[in-house]
Amino acid sequence: MKNIQKKNGGGATPLSSNNKDLDTNLNKNYNPIMRNYKSRKGFTLAEVLITLGIIGVVAAITIPTLISNYKQKTLDNQFKKSYALINQALLNAQGQFGYIPKCYYPPGVGSGAYISDCIDLTTEFLKTLKITKICKDKAYENGCIAEYKGYDDVLKEQHKNDENYDEEYWQDYANQNCRGFTATRILDAKTVYVLSDGTIIFFYTNDTCIIVAIDINGKNGPNKWGYDLYSFSIRSDGNYIKYVGDACSSPEEGGSSAQAMINRLFH
């Protein structure tokens, strides 16, 4: 068998003519791509700053709205929960009587309430709640409530821009009509109940639940009437008693009344 003599001193086999043509064609196609790639420039600092500026403006416009909507949705859900809670407690309390207890305002009447069964109804009402803390008097000082404004404070704020504003008049008005929810009474003279979920409840008159105020998210802010603090009064439809919106309260600026919340969320 003949030995095949290696050429080129036994080195690497030279490229065939076909391989040379292929390499040449690849280089022809590759080099323009590389040249274009190498000539391509990145974003300039000015372009980056402009882009970031646009993103910042959009974020500044949209994020506060998203946060506000989220907070309002959270408060809406808490309102639904709290409103259902007090009405279920009232329904359970009524069940202990076997009849409509006389502790309500007649339909369409703002005064002249039936109150003969209110103390007994309140006792049953409280039994159905999961109460973890009670503050008798000095509720603010003892940490049961935040520093709420009273009905008197809210009235004075609402009328402070009146042409003939008289602070003393509005203080007297609150004292004569709704003194149970004036600032002094709320902060210093209320029996306050704190529930297991942080919800805060207190009554217009300590031993009767005919009018109740409820802070739907406890001591978390904003602690303002018409935002997370609402009042309700008991009405009768002839078969049952239930809490309806508003009694001796008025929403602070920008807030909603309890009845407006009920109408928006339940109807």
C-alpha atoms as a PDB file:
ATOM      1  CA  MET A   1       0.000   0.000   0.000  1.00  0.00           C
ATOM      2  CA  LYS A   2       1.461   3.304  -1.063  1.00  0.00           C
ATOM      3  CA  ASN A   3       2.130   5.926   1.483  1.00  0.00           C
ATOM      4  CA  ILE A   4       0.373   9.167   0.765  1.00  0.00           C
ATOM      5  CA  GLN A   5       2.854  11.978   1.100  1.00  0.00           C
ATOM      6  CA  LYS A   6       1.636  14.897   3.121  1.00  0.00           C
ATOM      7  CA  LYS A   7       2.102  18.252   1.551  1.00  0.00           C
ATOM      8  CA  ASN A   8       2.982  21.547   3.128  1.00  0.00           C
ATOM      9  CA  GLY A   9       5.180  19.909   5.645  1.00  0.00           C
ATOM     10  CA  GLY A  10       2.362  18.026   7.329  1.00  0.00           C
ATOM     11  CA  GLY A  11       0.596  21.278   8.346  1.00  0.00           C
ATOM     12  CA  ALA A  12      -3.075  22.086   8.133  1.00  0.00           C
ATOM     13  CA  THR A  13      -4.806  21.204   4.919  1.00  0.00           C
ATOM     14  CA  PRO A  14      -5.320  24.357   2.890  1.00  0.00           C
ATOM     15  CA  LEU A  15      -8.868  25.534   2.174  1.00  0.00           C
ATOM     16  CA  SER A  16     -10.368  24.165  -0.984  1.00  0.00           C
ATOM     17  CA  SER A  17     -11.463  26.613  -3.615  1.00  0.00           C
ATOM     18  CA  ASN A  18     -15.075  26.054  -2.545  1.00  0.00           C
ATOM     19  CA  ASN A  19     -14.234  26.865   1.065  1.00  0.00           C
ATOM     20  CA  LYS A  20     -12.379  29.980  -0.018  1.00  0.00           C
ATOM     21  CA  ASP A  21     -15.404  31.153  -1.977  1.00  0.00           C
ATOM     22  CA  LEU A  22     -17.699  30.504   1.000  1.00  0.00           C
ATOM     23  CA  ASP A  23     -15.420  32.397   3.331  1.00  0.00           C
ATOM     24  CA  THR A  24     -15.233  35.286   0.943  1.00  0.00           C
ATOM     25  CA  ASN A  25     -19.032  35.463   0.617  1.00  0.00           C
ATOM     26  CA  LEU A  26     -19.539  35.302   4.387  1.00  0.00           C
ATOM     27  CA  ASN A  27     -17.087  38.120   4.886  1.00  0.00           C
ATOM     28  CA  LYS A  28     -18.796  40.187   2.231  1.00  0.00           C
ATOM     29  CA  ASN A  29     -22.128  39.749   3.981  1.00  0.00           C
ATOM     30  CA  TYR A  30     -20.796  39.983   7.536  1.00  0.00           C
ATOM     31  CA  ASN A  31     -18.625  43.034   7.275  1.00  0.00           C
ATOM     32  CA  PRO A  32     -21.408  45.510   6.295  1.00  0.00           C
ATOM     33  CA  ILE A  33     -23.500  44.249   9.226  1.00  0.00           C
ATOM     34  CA  MET A  34     -20.612  44.726  11.595  1.00  0.00           C
ATOM     35  CA  ARG A  35     -19.878  48.121  10.138  1.00  0.00           C
ATOM     36  CA  ASN A  36     -23.534  49.183  10.633  1.00  0.00           C
ATOM     37  CA  TYR A  37     -23.542  47.760  14.153  1.00  0.00           C
ATOM     38  CA  LYS A  38     -20.331  49.527  15.065  1.00  0.00           C
ATOM     39  CA  SER A  39     -21.631  52.792  13.660  1.00  0.00           C
ATOM     40  CA  ARG A  40     -24.873  52.603  15.637  1.00  0.00           C
ATOM     41  CA  LYS A  41     -24.939  55.027  18.619  1.00  0.00           C
ATOM     42  CA  GLY A  42     -26.684  54.657  22.040  1.00  0.00           C
ATOM     43  CA  PHE A  43     -29.171  57.104  23.562  1.00  0.00           C
ATOM     44  CA  THR A  44     -27.757  60.465  24.371  1.00  0.00           C
ATOM     45  CA  LEU A  45     -27.924  61.818  27.903  1.00  0.00           C
ATOM     46  CA  ALA A  46     -30.469  64.391  26.768  1.00  0.00           C
ATOM     47  CA  GLU A  47     -32.736  61.688  25.320  1.00  0.00           C
ATOM     48  CA  VAL A  48     -32.520  59.666  28.533  1.00  0.00           C
ATOM     49  CA  LEU A  49     -33.346  62.704  30.660  1.00  0.00           C
ATOM     50  CA  ILE A  50     -36.288  63.656  28.446  1.00  0.00           C
ATOM     51  CA  THR A  51     -37.663  60.105  28.663  1.00  0.00           C
ATOM     52  CA  LEU A  52     -37.272  60.034  32.431  1.00  0.00           C
ATOM     53  CA  GLY A  53     -38.946  63.424  32.643  1.00  0.00           C
ATOM     54  CA  ILE A  54     -41.952  62.213  30.674  1.00  0.00           C
ATOM     55  CA  ILE A  55     -42.222  59.115  32.870  1.00  0.00           C
ATOM     56  CA  GLY A  56     -42.012  61.320  35.969  1.00  0.00           C
ATOM     57  CA  VAL A  57     -44.801  63.622  34.763  1.00  0.00           C
ATOM     58  CA  VAL A  58     -47.092  60.696  33.934  1.00  0.00           C
ATOM     59  CA  ALA A  59     -46.355  59.104  37.308  1.00  0.00           C
ATOM     60  CA  ALA A  60     -47.005  62.381  39.132  1.00  0.00           C
ATOM     61  CA  ILE A  61     -50.405  62.625  37.451  1.00  0.00           C
ATOM     62  CA  THR A  62     -51.563  59.024  37.781  1.00  0.00           C
ATOM     63  CA  ILE A  63     -50.071  57.694  41.028  1.00  0.00           C
ATOM     64  CA  PRO A  64     -51.889  60.101  43.424  1.00  0.00           C
ATOM     65  CA  THR A  65     -55.185  59.261  41.697  1.00  0.00           C
ATOM     66  CA  LEU A  66     -54.506  55.539  41.979  1.00  0.00           C
ATOM     67  CA  ILE A  67     -53.607  55.874  45.657  1.00  0.00           C
ATOM     68  CA  SER A  68     -56.690  58.004  46.341  1.00  0.00           C
ATOM     69  CA  ASN A  69     -58.943  55.494  44.562  1.00  0.00           C
ATOM     70  CA  TYR A  70     -57.385  52.631  46.505  1.00  0.00           C
ATOM     71  CA  LYS A  71     -57.903  54.397  49.832  1.00  0.00           C
ATOM     72  CA  GLN A  72     -61.514  55.224  48.981  1.00  0.00           C
ATOM     73  CA  LYS A  73     -62.191  51.637  47.912  1.00  0.00           C
ATOM     74  CA  THR A  74     -60.746  50.421  51.204  1.00  0.00           C
ATOM     75  CA  LEU A  75     -62.948  52.815  53.196  1.00  0.00           C
ATOM     76  CA  ASP A  76     -66.004  51.813  51.141  1.00  0.00           C
ATOM     77  CA  ASN A  77     -65.433  48.166  51.991  1.00  0.00           C
ATOM     78  CA  GLN A  78     -64.937  49.016  55.655  1.00  0.00           C
ATOM     79  CA  PHE A  79     -68.142  51.047  55.657  1.00  0.00           C
ATOM     80  CA  LYS A  80     -70.082  48.112  54.191  1.00  0.00           C
ATOM     81  CA  LYS A  81     -68.646  45.782  56.801  1.00  0.00           C
ATOM     82  CA  SER A  82     -69.354  48.118  59.722  1.00  0.00           C
ATOM     83  CA  TYR A  83     -72.864  48.978  58.578  1.00  0.00           C
ATOM     84  CA  ALA A  84     -73.706  45.300  58.180  1.00  0.00           C
ATOM     85  CA  LEU A  85     -72.176  44.613  61.585  1.00  0.00           C
ATOM     86  CA  ILE A  86     -74.329  47.052  63.557  1.00  0.00           C
ATOM     87  CA  ASN A  87     -77.513  46.080  61.739  1.00  0.00           C
ATOM     88  CA  GLN A  88     -76.878  42.385  62.297  1.00  0.00           C
ATOM     89  CA  ALA A  89     -76.222  43.065  65.969  1.00  0.00           C
ATOM     90  CA  LEU A  90     -79.477  45.044  66.122  1.00  0.00           C
ATOM     91  CA  LEU A  91     -81.393  42.256  64.404  1.00  0.00           C
ATOM     92  CA  ASN A  92     -79.982  39.687  66.848  1.00  0.00           C
ATOM     93  CA  ALA A  93     -80.880  41.931  69.773  1.00  0.00           C
ATOM     94  CA  GLN A  94     -84.441  42.348  68.520  1.00  0.00           C
ATOM     95  CA  GLY A  95     -84.718  38.560  68.330  1.00  0.00           C
ATOM     96  CA  GLN A  96     -84.439  38.408  72.110  1.00  0.00           C
ATOM     97  CA  PHE A  97     -87.657  40.388  72.476  1.00  0.00           C
ATOM     98  CA  GLY A  98     -90.022  38.623  70.096  1.00  0.00           C
ATOM     99  CA  TYR A  99     -91.447  41.999  69.086  1.00  0.00           C
ATOM    100  CA  ILE A 100     -90.222  45.387  67.961  1.00  0.00           C
ATOM    101  CA  PRO A 101     -88.616  46.889  71.054  1.00  0.00           C
ATOM    102  CA  LYS A 102     -89.536  50.498  71.681  1.00  0.00           C
ATOM    103  CA  CYS A 103     -86.200  52.062  70.954  1.00  0.00           C
ATOM    104  CA  TYR A 104     -86.454  53.864  67.642  1.00  0.00           C
ATOM    105  CA  TYR A 105     -87.555  56.997  65.842  1.00  0.00           C
ATOM    106  CA  PRO A 106     -90.890  56.721  64.037  1.00  0.00           C
ATOM    107  CA  PRO A 107     -90.635  56.949  60.237  1.00  0.00           C
ATOM    108  CA  GLY A 108     -90.169  60.481  58.991  1.00  0.00           C
ATOM    109  CA  VAL A 109     -89.874  61.962  62.450  1.00  0.00           C
ATOM    110  CA  GLY A 110     -86.701  63.553  63.739  1.00  0.00           C
ATOM    111  CA  SER A 111     -87.646  63.696  67.398  1.00  0.00           C
ATOM    112  CA  GLY A 112     -90.079  62.129  69.834  1.00  0.00           C
ATOM    113  CA  ALA A 113     -88.361  58.753  69.856  1.00  0.00           C
ATOM    114  CA  TYR A 114     -89.654  55.667  71.627  1.00  0.00           C
ATOM    115  CA  ILE A 115     -87.055  54.881  74.282  1.00  0.00           C
ATOM    116  CA  SER A 116     -88.687  52.683  76.916  1.00  0.00           C
ATOM    117  CA  ASP A 117     -86.831  49.530  75.771  1.00  0.00           C
ATOM    118  CA  CYS A 118     -83.548  51.212  74.873  1.00  0.00           C
ATOM    119  CA  ILE A 119     -81.516  50.149  77.903  1.00  0.00           C
ATOM    120  CA  ASP A 120     -82.506  46.502  77.518  1.00  0.00           C
ATOM    121  CA  LEU A 121     -81.976  46.636  73.752  1.00  0.00           C
ATOM    122  CA  THR A 122     -78.524  48.151  74.223  1.00  0.00           C
ATOM    123  CA  THR A 123     -77.563  45.360  76.625  1.00  0.00           C
ATOM    124  CA  GLU A 124     -78.516  42.730  74.044  1.00  0.00           C
ATOM    125  CA  PHE A 125     -76.906  44.703  71.239  1.00  0.00           C
ATOM    126  CA  LEU A 126     -73.551  44.823  73.033  1.00  0.00           C
ATOM    127  CA  LYS A 127     -73.656  41.099  73.759  1.00  0.00           C
ATOM    128  CA  THR A 128     -73.440  40.320  70.058  1.00  0.00           C
ATOM    129  CA  LEU A 129     -70.287  42.390  69.525  1.00  0.00           C
ATOM    130  CA  LYS A 130     -66.726  41.168  70.014  1.00  0.00           C
ATOM    131  CA  ILE A 131     -65.577  43.857  72.420  1.00  0.00           C
ATOM    132  CA  THR A 132     -61.928  43.823  73.484  1.00  0.00           C
ATOM    133  CA  LYS A 133     -61.657  47.148  75.315  1.00  0.00           C
ATOM    134  CA  ILE A 134     -64.016  49.546  77.075  1.00  0.00           C
ATOM    135  CA  CYS A 135     -63.218  53.103  78.113  1.00  0.00           C
ATOM    136  CA  LYS A 136     -65.652  54.713  80.524  1.00  0.00           C
ATOM    137  CA  ASP A 137     -65.070  58.455  80.410  1.00  0.00           C
ATOM    138  CA  LYS A 138     -61.817  60.057  79.253  1.00  0.00           C
ATOM    139  CA  ALA A 139     -61.828  57.821  76.173  1.00  0.00           C
ATOM    140  CA  TYR A 140     -59.336  60.020  74.326  1.00  0.00           C
ATOM    141  CA  GLU A 141     -57.025  60.315  77.303  1.00  0.00           C
ATOM    142  CA  ASN A 142     -57.163  56.546  77.830  1.00  0.00           C
ATOM    143  CA  GLY A 143     -56.347  55.752  74.216  1.00  0.00           C
ATOM    144  CA  CYS A 144     -59.670  54.352  73.013  1.00  0.00           C
ATOM    145  CA  ILE A 145     -60.341  57.004  70.397  1.00  0.00           C
ATOM    146  CA  ALA A 146     -58.525  59.521  68.247  1.00  0.00           C
ATOM    147  CA  GLU A 147     -59.018  63.255  68.727  1.00  0.00           C
ATOM    148  CA  TYR A 148     -62.338  63.580  66.946  1.00  0.00           C
ATOM    149  CA  LYS A 149     -64.043  66.857  66.256  1.00  0.00           C
ATOM    150  CA  GLY A 150     -67.480  67.308  67.759  1.00  0.00           C
ATOM    151  CA  TYR A 151     -70.693  68.311  66.054  1.00  0.00           C
ATOM    152  CA  ASP A 152     -70.073  71.799  67.408  1.00  0.00           C
ATOM    153  CA  ASP A 153     -66.614  71.988  65.814  1.00  0.00           C
ATOM    154  CA  VAL A 154     -67.933  70.872  62.445  1.00  0.00           C
ATOM    155  CA  LEU A 155     -70.788  73.384  62.500  1.00  0.00           C
ATOM    156  CA  LYS A 156     -68.424  76.221  63.306  1.00  0.00           C
ATOM    157  CA  GLU A 157     -66.087  75.227  60.471  1.00  0.00           C
ATOM    158  CA  GLN A 158     -68.968  75.009  58.004  1.00  0.00           C
ATOM    159  CA  HIS A 159     -70.209  78.498  58.860  1.00  0.00           C
ATOM    160  CA  LYS A 160     -66.941  80.314  59.554  1.00  0.00           C
ATOM    161  CA  ASN A 161     -67.156  82.166  56.229  1.00  0.00           C
ATOM    162  CA  ASP A 162     -70.698  83.381  56.827  1.00  0.00           C
ATOM    163  CA  GLU A 163     -71.027  87.144  56.589  1.00  0.00           C
ATOM    164  CA  ASN A 164     -72.359  87.397  60.125  1.00  0.00           C
ATOM    165  CA  TYR A 165     -70.564  84.403  61.579  1.00  0.00           C
ATOM    166  CA  ASP A 166     -71.191  83.959  65.281  1.00  0.00           C
ATOM    167  CA  GLU A 167     -69.180  81.168  66.877  1.00  0.00           C
ATOM    168  CA  GLU A 168     -71.110  81.344  70.118  1.00  0.00           C
ATOM    169  CA  TYR A 169     -74.398  80.871  68.279  1.00  0.00           C
ATOM    170  CA  TRP A 170     -73.259  77.618  66.644  1.00  0.00           C
ATOM    171  CA  GLN A 171     -71.813  76.345  69.891  1.00  0.00           C
ATOM    172  CA  ASP A 172     -75.134  76.994  71.615  1.00  0.00           C
ATOM    173  CA  TYR A 173     -77.000  75.411  68.707  1.00  0.00           C
ATOM    174  CA  ALA A 174     -74.973  72.196  69.022  1.00  0.00           C
ATOM    175  CA  ASN A 175     -75.363  72.159  72.795  1.00  0.00           C
ATOM    176  CA  GLN A 176     -79.123  72.542  72.594  1.00  0.00           C
ATOM    177  CA  ASN A 177     -79.773  70.111  69.741  1.00  0.00           C
ATOM    178  CA  CYS A 178     -77.008  67.502  69.761  1.00  0.00           C
ATOM    179  CA  ARG A 179     -74.957  67.969  72.897  1.00  0.00           C
ATOM    180  CA  GLY A 180     -74.255  64.225  73.103  1.00  0.00           C
ATOM    181  CA  PHE A 181     -71.883  64.524  70.153  1.00  0.00           C
ATOM    182  CA  THR A 182     -70.106  67.764  71.031  1.00  0.00           C
ATOM    183  CA  ALA A 183     -66.318  67.556  71.274  1.00  0.00           C
ATOM    184  CA  THR A 184     -66.186  67.683  75.066  1.00  0.00           C
ATOM    185  CA  ARG A 185     -68.734  64.890  75.439  1.00  0.00           C
ATOM    186  CA  ILE A 186     -67.019  62.630  72.913  1.00  0.00           C
ATOM    187  CA  LEU A 187     -63.496  63.049  74.235  1.00  0.00           C
ATOM    188  CA  ASP A 188     -64.228  63.109  77.962  1.00  0.00           C
ATOM    189  CA  ALA A 189     -67.660  61.711  78.781  1.00  0.00           C
ATOM    190  CA  LYS A 190     -68.332  58.753  76.511  1.00  0.00           C
ATOM    191  CA  THR A 191     -68.279  55.037  77.143  1.00  0.00           C
ATOM    192  CA  VAL A 192     -66.358  53.761  74.141  1.00  0.00           C
ATOM    193  CA  TYR A 193     -66.216  50.170  72.897  1.00  0.00           C
ATOM    194  CA  VAL A 194     -63.283  48.902  70.854  1.00  0.00           C
ATOM    195  CA  LEU A 195     -64.002  45.732  68.883  1.00  0.00           C
ATOM    196  CA  SER A 196     -61.604  42.921  68.037  1.00  0.00           C
ATOM    197  CA  ASP A 197     -61.016  44.262  64.523  1.00  0.00           C
ATOM    198  CA  GLY A 198     -60.279  47.769  65.834  1.00  0.00           C
ATOM    199  CA  THR A 199     -63.702  49.225  65.022  1.00  0.00           C
ATOM    200  CA  ILE A 200     -64.773  51.889  67.532  1.00  0.00           C
ATOM    201  CA  ILE A 201     -68.375  52.357  68.699  1.00  0.00           C
ATOM    202  CA  PHE A 202     -69.973  54.853  71.067  1.00  0.00           C
ATOM    203  CA  PHE A 203     -73.534  56.003  71.650  1.00  0.00           C
ATOM    204  CA  TYR A 204     -75.132  59.426  71.748  1.00  0.00           C
ATOM    205  CA  THR A 205     -76.362  58.556  75.223  1.00  0.00           C
ATOM    206  CA  ASN A 206     -74.102  56.069  76.962  1.00  0.00           C
ATOM    207  CA  ASP A 207     -76.727  53.495  77.901  1.00  0.00           C
ATOM    208  CA  THR A 208     -78.909  53.629  74.779  1.00  0.00           C
ATOM    209  CA  CYS A 209     -77.974  52.492  71.286  1.00  0.00           C
ATOM    210  CA  ILE A 210     -80.724  54.452  69.529  1.00  0.00           C
ATOM    211  CA  ILE A 211     -78.009  56.684  68.042  1.00  0.00           C
ATOM    212  CA  VAL A 212     -74.590  55.192  67.471  1.00  0.00           C
ATOM    213  CA  ALA A 213     -71.323  56.589  66.115  1.00  0.00           C
ATOM    214  CA  ILE A 214     -68.862  54.209  64.533  1.00  0.00           C
ATOM    215  CA  ASP A 215     -65.296  54.683  63.381  1.00  0.00           C
ATOM    216  CA  ILE A 216     -65.082  52.095  60.626  1.00  0.00           C
ATOM    217  CA  ASN A 217     -61.293  51.717  60.703  1.00  0.00           C
ATOM    218  CA  GLY A 218     -60.545  52.424  64.339  1.00  0.00           C
ATOM    219  CA  LYS A 219     -57.833  54.889  65.232  1.00  0.00           C
ATOM    220  CA  ASN A 220     -56.363  54.774  61.733  1.00  0.00           C
ATOM    221  CA  GLY A 221     -56.728  58.058  59.906  1.00  0.00           C
ATOM    222  CA  PRO A 222     -58.242  60.291  58.856  1.00  0.00           C
ATOM    223  CA  ASN A 223     -60.595  60.109  61.881  1.00  0.00           C
ATOM    224  CA  LYS A 224     -63.000  62.600  60.353  1.00  0.00           C
ATOM    225  CA  TRP A 225     -66.773  62.764  60.149  1.00  0.00           C
ATOM    226  CA  GLY A 226     -67.878  61.697  56.702  1.00  0.00           C
ATOM    227  CA  TYR A 227     -64.625  59.881  55.924  1.00  0.00           C
ATOM    228  CA  ASP A 228     -64.258  57.062  58.449  1.00  0.00           C
ATOM    229  CA  LEU A 229     -66.505  58.303  61.272  1.00  0.00           C
ATOM    230  CA  TYR A 230     -70.292  58.152  60.866  1.00  0.00           C
ATOM    231  CA  SER A 231     -73.447  58.218  62.980  1.00  0.00           C
ATOM    232  CA  PHE A 232     -76.636  56.210  62.577  1.00  0.00           C
ATOM    233  CA  SER A 233     -80.059  56.176  64.216  1.00  0.00           C
ATOM    234  CA  ILE A 234     -82.619  53.402  64.617  1.00  0.00           C
ATOM    235  CA  ARG A 235     -85.831  53.481  62.584  1.00  0.00           C
ATOM    236  CA  SER A 236     -88.675  51.008  62.355  1.00  0.00           C
ATOM    237  CA  ASP A 237     -90.423  49.804  59.224  1.00  0.00           C
ATOM    238  CA  GLY A 238     -93.236  48.161  61.196  1.00  0.00           C
ATOM    239  CA  ASN A 239     -91.609  44.742  61.266  1.00  0.00           C
ATOM    240  CA  TYR A 240     -87.988  45.329  62.106  1.00  0.00           C
ATOM    241  CA  ILE A 241     -85.756  48.047  63.435  1.00  0.00           C
ATOM    242  CA  LYS A 242     -82.614  49.011  61.554  1.00  0.00           C
ATOM    243  CA  TYR A 243     -79.939  51.646  61.525  1.00  0.00           C
ATOM    244  CA  VAL A 244     -80.248  54.384  58.935  1.00  0.00           C
ATOM    245  CA  GLY A 245     -77.852  57.190  58.180  1.00  0.00           C
ATOM    246  CA  ASP A 246     -77.104  60.352  60.094  1.00  0.00           C
ATOM    247  CA  ALA A 247     -78.040  61.687  63.490  1.00  0.00           C
ATOM    248  CA  CYS A 248     -76.449  64.700  65.150  1.00  0.00           C
ATOM    249  CA  SER A 249     -73.521  64.704  62.770  1.00  0.00           C
ATOM    250  CA  SER A 250     -72.436  66.462  59.633  1.00  0.00           C
ATOM    251  CA  PRO A 251     -69.605  65.501  57.299  1.00  0.00           C
ATOM    252  CA  GLU A 252     -66.437  67.520  57.469  1.00  0.00           C
ATOM    253  CA  GLU A 253     -65.378  69.325  54.316  1.00  0.00           C
ATOM    254  CA  GLY A 254     -65.156  66.908  51.395  1.00  0.00           C
ATOM    255  CA  GLY A 255     -66.768  64.041  53.298  1.00  0.00           C
ATOM    256  CA  SER A 256     -70.020  62.162  52.711  1.00  0.00           C
ATOM    257  CA  SER A 257     -72.979  61.723  55.002  1.00  0.00           C
ATOM    258  CA  ALA A 258     -73.771  58.248  56.266  1.00  0.00           C
ATOM    259  CA  GLN A 259     -77.008  58.189  54.302  1.00  0.00           C
ATOM    260  CA  ALA A 260     -75.221  59.190  51.105  1.00  0.00           C
ATOM    261  CA  MET A 261     -72.783  56.313  51.663  1.00  0.00           C
ATOM    262  CA  ILE A 262     -75.676  53.885  52.206  1.00  0.00           C
ATOM    263  CA  ASN A 263     -77.395  55.074  49.042  1.00  0.00           C
ATOM    264  CA  ARG A 264     -74.198  54.784  46.996  1.00  0.00           C
ATOM    265  CA  LEU A 265     -73.018  51.419  48.273  1.00  0.00           C
ATOM    266  CA  PHE A 266     -76.245  49.530  48.902  1.00  0.00           C
ATOM    267  CA  HIS A 267     -78.671  50.764  46.236  1.00  0.00           C
END
